[in-house]
Protein backbone atom coordinates (compact mmCIF):
# COMPACT_ATOMS: atom_id res chain seq x y z
CA MET A 1 0.29 -0.03 0.23
CA THR A 2 2.98 2.59 -0.90
CA SER A 3 0.07 4.91 -2.25
CA SER A 4 -1.55 4.83 0.73
CA LEU A 5 1.54 5.46 2.79
CA SER A 6 2.35 8.14 0.84
CA ALA A 7 -1.15 9.94 1.01
CA ILE A 8 -0.79 9.68 4.47
CA GLN A 9 2.14 11.73 4.96
CA ASN A 10 0.74 14.32 2.46
CA SER A 11 -2.26 14.56 4.68
CA LEU A 12 -0.17 14.82 7.80
CA LYS A 13 1.95 18.10 5.70
CA ARG A 14 -1.29 19.41 5.55
CA ARG A 15 -2.44 18.97 9.18
CA LYS A 16 1.01 20.39 10.28
CA LEU A 17 1.92 16.94 11.89
CA ASP A 18 5.23 15.31 12.28
CA GLY A 19 3.81 11.71 12.46
CA LEU A 20 0.74 9.31 12.93
CA LEU A 21 0.46 6.27 15.49
CA ILE A 22 -2.06 3.54 13.73
CA THR A 23 -3.29 1.41 16.39
CA GLN A 24 -6.65 0.14 14.53
CA PRO A 25 -5.87 -3.65 13.67
CA GLU A 26 -7.55 -3.46 10.44
CA ASN A 27 -5.78 -0.14 9.14
CA ARG A 28 -2.86 -1.45 10.68
CA ARG A 29 -3.07 -4.84 8.05
CA TYR A 30 -4.37 -2.26 5.23
CA LEU A 31 -1.40 -0.59 5.40
CA SER A 32 1.25 -2.65 6.02
CA GLY A 33 0.13 -6.51 5.20
CA TYR A 34 1.22 -7.53 8.55
CA THR A 35 -1.53 -10.18 9.76
CA ALA A 36 -1.29 -10.21 13.53
CA THR A 37 -4.45 -10.22 15.52
CA ASP A 38 -5.37 -8.68 18.92
CA SER A 39 -6.86 -10.52 21.60
CA SER A 40 -8.65 -7.50 22.87
CA ILE A 41 -8.58 -3.26 22.88
CA SER A 42 -6.20 -2.94 25.69
CA GLU A 43 -3.53 -5.66 24.27
CA THR A 44 -2.02 -4.77 20.95
CA SER A 45 0.30 -7.15 18.52
CA GLY A 46 1.89 -4.03 16.96
CA VAL A 47 1.85 -0.39 16.05
CA LEU A 48 2.49 1.42 13.21
CA LEU A 49 4.43 4.60 13.39
CA ILE A 50 4.41 6.66 9.99
CA PRO A 51 6.59 9.65 10.55
CA VAL A 52 5.57 12.92 7.92
CA LYS A 53 8.87 11.89 6.17
CA GLY A 54 10.99 8.57 5.58
CA THR A 55 10.52 5.16 5.96
CA PRO A 56 7.60 3.85 7.99
CA PHE A 57 7.83 1.49 11.35
CA LEU A 58 6.48 -1.32 13.04
CA LEU A 59 6.38 -1.46 16.33
CA THR A 60 5.93 -4.94 18.26
CA ASP A 61 7.32 -7.25 20.60
CA SER A 62 9.47 -9.99 20.31
CA ARG A 63 6.53 -12.53 20.50
CA PHE A 64 5.89 -11.23 16.77
CA GLU A 65 9.23 -10.32 15.52
CA LEU A 66 9.64 -13.26 12.96
CA HIS A 67 5.98 -12.24 11.64
CA ALA A 68 6.05 -8.59 11.49
CA LYS A 69 9.64 -9.04 9.82
CA GLU A 70 8.46 -11.30 7.13
CA GLU A 71 5.20 -9.79 6.22
CA ALA A 72 5.57 -5.87 6.79
CA GLU A 73 7.37 -5.11 3.41
CA GLY A 74 8.73 -1.41 3.60
CA PHE A 75 8.34 -1.13 7.04
CA ASP A 76 11.44 -0.80 10.13
CA VAL A 77 10.49 -3.81 12.12
CA VAL A 78 11.49 -2.23 15.95
CA LEU A 79 11.12 -3.98 19.40
CA TYR A 80 9.93 -2.54 22.79
CA PRO A 81 11.43 -5.00 25.35
CA LYS A 82 10.40 -2.55 28.02
CA GLY A 83 6.96 -1.63 26.48
CA MET A 84 5.33 0.26 23.47
CA LEU A 85 5.27 3.86 25.50
CA ALA A 86 9.48 3.71 26.92
CA LEU A 87 10.26 2.81 22.63
CA LEU A 88 7.97 5.64 21.97
CA LYS A 89 9.62 8.22 24.42
CA ASN A 90 13.35 7.53 22.65
CA LEU A 91 12.23 7.29 19.17
CA LEU A 92 9.99 9.95 18.98
CA PRO A 93 12.76 12.85 19.44
CA LYS A 94 15.16 10.68 17.17
CA LEU A 95 12.47 11.52 14.77
CA LYS A 96 11.77 14.78 15.60
CA ILE A 97 8.02 14.23 15.85
CA LYS A 98 6.33 16.46 18.16
CA ARG A 99 3.07 16.70 17.02
CA LEU A 100 1.89 12.89 16.73
CA GLY A 101 -1.73 12.24 15.67
CA PHE A 102 -3.65 8.93 16.83
CA GLU A 103 -6.94 7.41 15.89
CA SER A 104 -9.15 8.66 18.51
CA HIS A 105 -11.80 6.52 17.29
CA TYR A 106 -10.38 3.55 18.11
CA MET A 107 -7.96 4.36 21.33
CA LEU A 108 -8.96 3.89 24.69
CA HIS A 109 -9.22 7.31 26.12
CA SER A 110 -7.37 5.91 29.52
CA SER A 111 -4.66 4.71 26.92
CA ALA A 112 -4.13 8.03 25.42
CA GLU A 113 -4.29 10.00 28.91
CA LYS A 114 -1.52 7.54 29.65
CA MET A 115 0.62 7.91 26.61
CA SER A 116 0.48 11.52 27.07
CA SER A 117 1.53 11.32 30.74
CA ALA A 118 4.71 9.17 29.69
CA LEU A 119 5.74 11.11 26.56
CA GLY A 120 5.49 14.21 28.34
CA LYS A 121 2.76 16.97 27.32
CA LYS A 122 5.66 19.47 26.81
CA ASN A 123 7.70 17.32 24.24
CA VAL A 124 4.93 15.71 22.63
CA GLU A 125 1.21 16.76 21.78
CA LEU A 126 -1.11 14.07 20.76
CA VAL A 127 -3.35 15.09 18.22
CA PRO A 128 -7.04 13.25 17.78
CA LEU A 129 -7.61 11.88 14.19
CA THR A 130 -10.54 10.10 12.99
CA ASP A 131 -11.09 7.80 9.61
CA LEU A 132 -8.04 9.04 7.82
CA VAL A 133 -7.74 5.59 6.80
CA GLU A 134 -10.82 4.12 6.64
CA LYS A 135 -11.81 6.82 4.43
CA MET A 136 -8.65 5.11 1.89
CA ARG A 137 -10.74 1.96 2.50
CA LEU A 138 -13.64 3.21 0.90
CA ARG A 139 -12.74 2.40 -2.85
CA LYS A 140 -11.40 -0.92 -3.52
CA GLN A 141 -8.35 -1.12 -5.77
CA SER A 142 -8.72 -3.77 -8.49
CA GLU A 143 -7.25 -6.45 -6.15
CA GLU A 144 -9.07 -5.35 -3.65
CA ILE A 145 -11.38 -6.08 -5.51
CA GLU A 146 -10.27 -9.50 -7.08
CA LYS A 147 -9.53 -10.76 -3.19
CA ILE A 148 -12.96 -9.99 -2.40
CA GLN A 149 -14.62 -12.06 -4.93
CA LYS A 150 -12.63 -15.07 -4.38
CA SER A 151 -13.77 -14.63 -0.55
CA VAL A 152 -16.94 -14.72 -1.80
CA LEU A 153 -17.17 -17.47 -3.91
CA LEU A 154 -15.35 -19.29 -1.13
CA ASN A 155 -18.08 -18.81 1.32
CA GLU A 156 -20.58 -19.94 -1.19
CA GLU A 157 -18.47 -22.95 -1.67
CA VAL A 158 -18.13 -23.87 1.90
CA PHE A 159 -22.22 -23.16 2.37
CA GLN A 160 -22.69 -25.73 -0.61
CA GLU A 161 -20.42 -28.48 0.98
CA VAL A 162 -22.68 -27.94 4.30
CA PHE A 163 -25.65 -27.87 2.79
CA LYS A 164 -25.68 -31.08 1.62
CA GLY A 165 -25.14 -32.96 5.08
CA LEU A 166 -28.23 -30.80 6.74
CA LYS A 167 -31.05 -32.18 7.85
CA PRO A 168 -33.86 -32.37 10.69
CA GLY A 169 -32.53 -32.95 14.20
CA MET A 170 -29.17 -31.34 13.96
CA THR A 171 -28.71 -28.60 16.31
CA GLU A 172 -28.08 -25.15 15.36
CA VAL A 173 -24.38 -24.99 16.96
CA GLU A 174 -23.89 -28.78 14.92
CA VAL A 175 -24.55 -26.80 11.48
CA ALA A 176 -22.50 -23.80 12.31
CA LEU A 177 -19.48 -25.55 14.08
CA GLN A 178 -19.73 -27.36 10.65
CA ILE A 179 -19.38 -24.05 8.56
CA GLU A 180 -16.59 -22.76 10.52
CA THR A 181 -14.49 -25.92 10.57
CA THR A 182 -15.03 -26.25 6.45
CA MET A 183 -14.21 -22.93 6.12
CA ARG A 184 -10.54 -23.34 7.40
CA LEU A 185 -10.33 -26.54 5.85
CA LYS A 186 -10.74 -25.17 3.00
CA GLY A 187 -8.07 -21.91 3.39
CA ALA A 188 -9.65 -19.47 4.82
CA GLU A 189 -7.92 -17.78 7.94
CA ARG A 190 -10.78 -17.52 9.78
CA PRO A 191 -14.68 -16.85 9.97
CA SER A 192 -15.23 -12.75 9.63
CA PHE A 193 -18.04 -13.05 12.47
CA ASP A 194 -19.29 -15.53 14.27
CA THR A 195 -21.63 -17.60 12.41
CA ILE A 196 -25.44 -17.24 12.65
CA VAL A 197 -27.67 -20.32 12.23
CA ALA A 198 -31.19 -19.62 13.58
CA GLY A 199 -34.04 -22.53 12.77
CA GLY A 200 -37.63 -21.75 13.27
CA PRO A 201 -38.78 -18.60 15.92
CA ASN A 202 -34.78 -18.27 16.44
CA GLY A 203 -34.69 -16.56 12.86
CA ALA A 204 -36.73 -13.39 14.40
CA LEU A 205 -33.77 -12.77 15.85
CA PRO A 206 -31.85 -10.64 13.29
CA HIS A 207 -28.40 -11.41 15.04
CA ALA A 208 -29.63 -15.06 16.38
CA VAL A 209 -26.28 -17.03 18.62
CA PRO A 210 -26.65 -20.54 17.73
CA SER A 211 -28.23 -22.36 20.19
CA ASN A 212 -28.75 -26.64 20.96
CA ARG A 213 -32.14 -26.11 19.42
CA PRO A 214 -32.22 -29.09 16.73
CA LEU A 215 -33.70 -27.97 13.14
CA LYS A 216 -37.16 -28.74 12.05
CA LYS A 217 -38.76 -30.30 9.07
CA GLY A 218 -40.42 -27.37 7.00
CA GLU A 219 -39.09 -24.34 8.74
CA PRO A 220 -37.05 -21.77 7.44
CA VAL A 221 -33.02 -21.79 8.97
CA VAL A 222 -31.53 -18.27 8.42
CA ILE A 223 -28.05 -19.16 7.81
CA ASP A 224 -25.37 -15.79 8.27
CA MET A 225 -22.15 -16.93 6.78
CA GLY A 226 -18.67 -15.11 5.88
CA LEU A 227 -15.05 -16.11 6.05
CA ILE A 228 -11.70 -14.25 5.73
CA LEU A 229 -9.39 -14.77 3.13
CA ASP A 230 -5.97 -13.27 1.92
CA GLY A 231 -7.25 -10.14 4.22
CA TYR A 232 -10.80 -9.76 2.84
CA CYS A 233 -13.83 -10.40 4.10
CA SER A 234 -17.22 -12.27 3.15
CA ASP A 235 -20.53 -12.08 3.98
CA MET A 236 -23.64 -13.88 2.82
CA THR A 237 -26.86 -14.64 4.25
CA ARG A 238 -29.13 -17.81 2.83
CA THR A 239 -32.86 -18.89 4.37
CA VAL A 240 -33.16 -22.73 3.63
CA VAL A 241 -36.03 -24.85 4.17
CA LEU A 242 -35.23 -29.01 5.23
CA GLY A 243 -37.79 -30.48 3.13
CA THR A 244 -40.94 -28.86 1.34
CA PRO A 245 -41.98 -24.64 2.68
CA ASP A 246 -45.62 -23.85 3.42
CA SER A 247 -47.35 -21.52 1.35
CA LYS A 248 -46.10 -18.80 4.06
CA THR A 249 -42.74 -19.63 3.96
CA LYS A 250 -42.53 -19.17 0.26
CA LYS A 251 -44.41 -15.52 -0.13
CA LEU A 252 -42.31 -14.20 2.71
CA PHE A 253 -39.46 -15.64 0.68
CA ARG A 254 -40.32 -14.13 -2.54
CA LEU A 255 -41.33 -10.98 -1.10
CA VAL A 256 -37.50 -10.27 0.74
CA ARG A 257 -35.69 -11.66 -2.77
CA LYS A 258 -37.58 -9.08 -4.39
CA ALA A 259 -36.51 -6.40 -2.16
CA GLN A 260 -33.45 -7.35 -2.67
CA LYS A 261 -33.74 -7.47 -6.43
CA ALA A 262 -34.74 -3.76 -5.80
CA GLY A 263 -32.11 -2.67 -3.72
CA MET A 264 -29.44 -4.13 -5.81
CA ALA A 265 -31.15 -2.34 -9.37
CA ALA A 266 -30.59 0.94 -7.22
CA ILE A 267 -27.03 0.75 -6.99
CA LYS A 268 -24.79 2.99 -8.95
CA ALA A 269 -22.24 5.31 -8.06
CA GLY A 270 -24.11 8.62 -7.00
CA VAL A 271 -27.05 7.35 -5.52
CA VAL A 272 -27.53 8.32 -2.22
CA ALA A 273 -26.75 5.39 0.46
CA LYS A 274 -30.58 5.85 1.90
CA ASP A 275 -32.43 6.26 -1.60
CA VAL A 276 -30.82 2.56 -2.04
CA ASP A 277 -32.45 1.74 1.14
CA ARG A 278 -35.88 3.07 0.24
CA ALA A 279 -35.85 0.85 -2.99
CA ALA A 280 -36.05 -2.48 -1.07
CA ARG A 281 -37.83 -1.03 1.72
CA GLN A 282 -40.81 0.29 0.25
CA VAL A 283 -41.13 -3.26 -1.35
CA ILE A 284 -41.98 -4.71 1.95
CA GLU A 285 -43.84 -1.92 3.65
CA LYS A 286 -46.23 -2.18 0.40
CA ALA A 287 -46.85 -5.91 1.07
CA GLY A 288 -47.58 -4.80 5.00
CA TYR A 289 -44.27 -6.02 6.86
CA GLY A 290 -42.69 -2.52 6.82
CA ASP A 291 -42.22 -2.92 10.52
CA LYS A 292 -41.01 -6.28 10.22
CA PHE A 293 -37.71 -4.93 8.84
CA GLY A 294 -35.82 -2.68 11.24
CA HIS A 295 -32.53 -3.22 10.38
CA GLY A 296 -30.43 -1.24 7.64
CA LEU A 297 -30.17 -2.66 4.30
CA GLY A 298 -26.35 -3.19 4.12
CA HIS A 299 -23.14 -2.13 4.90
CA GLY A 300 -19.78 -2.06 3.73
CA VAL A 301 -17.20 -5.21 3.13
CA GLY A 302 -13.18 -5.01 3.12
CA ILE A 303 -10.40 -5.95 5.37
CA ALA A 304 -13.27 -5.53 7.71
CA VAL A 305 -16.86 -7.19 7.75
CA HIS A 306 -18.41 -3.95 8.69
CA GLU A 307 -17.20 -0.64 7.42
CA PRO A 308 -18.39 1.99 5.35
CA PRO A 309 -20.84 3.21 3.65
CA SER A 310 -24.30 2.24 5.74
CA LEU A 311 -27.23 1.50 3.33
CA SER A 312 -29.68 2.92 5.72
CA LYS A 313 -32.39 5.03 5.96
CA ARG A 314 -30.77 7.90 7.62
CA SER A 315 -27.55 7.49 5.27
CA ARG A 316 -26.79 10.92 3.02
CA LYS A 317 -23.57 9.57 1.70
CA LYS A 318 -23.58 9.27 -1.79
CA LEU A 319 -22.34 5.76 -3.18
CA LYS A 320 -18.85 6.08 -5.01
CA GLU A 321 -17.15 3.10 -7.95
CA GLY A 322 -15.24 1.33 -5.95
CA MET A 323 -17.19 0.82 -2.90
CA VAL A 324 -18.55 -2.99 -1.95
CA VAL A 325 -21.77 -3.38 -0.23
CA THR A 326 -24.00 -5.61 1.20
CA VAL A 327 -27.88 -6.12 0.72
CA GLU A 328 -29.50 -7.41 2.99
CA PRO A 329 -33.44 -7.04 3.52
CA GLY A 330 -35.23 -9.22 5.91
CA ILE A 331 -38.37 -9.87 7.79
CA TYR A 332 -38.64 -11.12 11.08
CA LEU A 333 -41.95 -12.09 12.66
CA PRO A 334 -41.57 -13.09 16.34
CA GLY A 335 -42.74 -16.70 17.35
CA TRP A 336 -42.94 -17.52 13.99
CA GLY A 337 -39.33 -17.11 12.40
CA GLY A 338 -37.41 -14.85 9.84
CA ILE A 339 -36.30 -14.58 6.19
CA ARG A 340 -32.97 -12.70 5.12
CA LEU A 341 -31.01 -12.96 1.78
CA GLU A 342 -27.87 -10.81 1.57
CA ASN A 343 -25.55 -10.62 -1.44
CA MET A 344 -22.15 -8.98 -1.81
CA VAL A 345 -22.01 -6.15 -4.99
CA GLU A 346 -19.42 -3.87 -6.09
CA VAL A 347 -20.57 0.01 -6.91
CA ARG A 348 -20.03 0.83 -10.64
CA ALA A 349 -21.05 3.97 -12.58
CA ASP A 350 -23.51 1.87 -14.50
CA GLY A 351 -25.00 -0.35 -11.78
CA CYS A 352 -23.50 -2.78 -9.50
CA ARG A 353 -21.66 -6.37 -9.60
CA ASN A 354 -22.70 -9.07 -8.17
CA PHE A 355 -20.14 -11.14 -6.58
CA ASN A 356 -22.37 -14.11 -5.60
CA LYS A 357 -22.49 -16.52 -8.20
CA ASP A 358 -24.57 -19.52 -7.10
CA THR A 359 -28.51 -18.60 -7.35
CA THR A 360 -29.72 -21.87 -6.53
CA PHE A 361 -30.65 -21.22 -3.24
CA LEU A 362 -32.15 -17.71 -3.90
CA ASP A 363 -35.50 -19.28 -5.06
CA ILE A 364 -38.16 -21.22 -3.29
């Protein structure tokens, strides 16, 4: 991401900053290619220090030394045996960094206060920044689009394989475990989020947690799954029936599919995000189920599974070429269940490109 680093350094010049500290894991990976993960927001496998001029740094500890040197091409890997703050206190003066930007939307307030105290407010001024790298990630480059396509296709392949073995009596947990195991066996780094398997009435919960409830013949089962391949995420939802669906399931399924098609048809560069949401939502509203579709139509996907832009009735952002979003309308009926269908698409000048190739499970 040499061009991105140059853009950041130019941005630092305009803001009269001497450097930038990157702590957000997805931003760190986006800029450096370093794949190590953080166990929590208070523990880190490393941070990036980008001076306004010269070579950027990846600061980490001995546990990640080989990992960092192997992956972070173009970065000087520096270890902090006595902790990151001690290293920064020594390194920043050498780099003549007196005004240091930091990701205030990610760094804990307590961590920022501790850093400010350790560095000395008179020596280093910490300047809060938000979404500097995230704005760069909004529009995907061609190589990113290719990686996303491969992630989506592998996700579909996993679903197809697991679906063949589904049968009534299997629990939601069993199915979720099979999905996530198959992902890894087929080469995925890991799931991009916790897999959702929700049968019958549990499907009325958009973010249901798989339980030990057995799947039953004839009921709708919502399966929301995604994986990370070569750093990029996929996200897909299918609603399936083990056996023959009844007339109500068919009716709602076809309605949600119609709404999804309407949303996808509305997507193109220059369109306001809320208008895309509206195109799909009005299909469901006209059928009398408007109050049963509470969440937004979709969200951005890339190196993170949830990132801007948001396709919601509140978003006034205009879509741009190269953005990647989900289109996932749903209907949720307490006590009965839910129907949700989700595809991923690339925003283009004249419409959108659907990354999902398999249409087998999009018709009942």
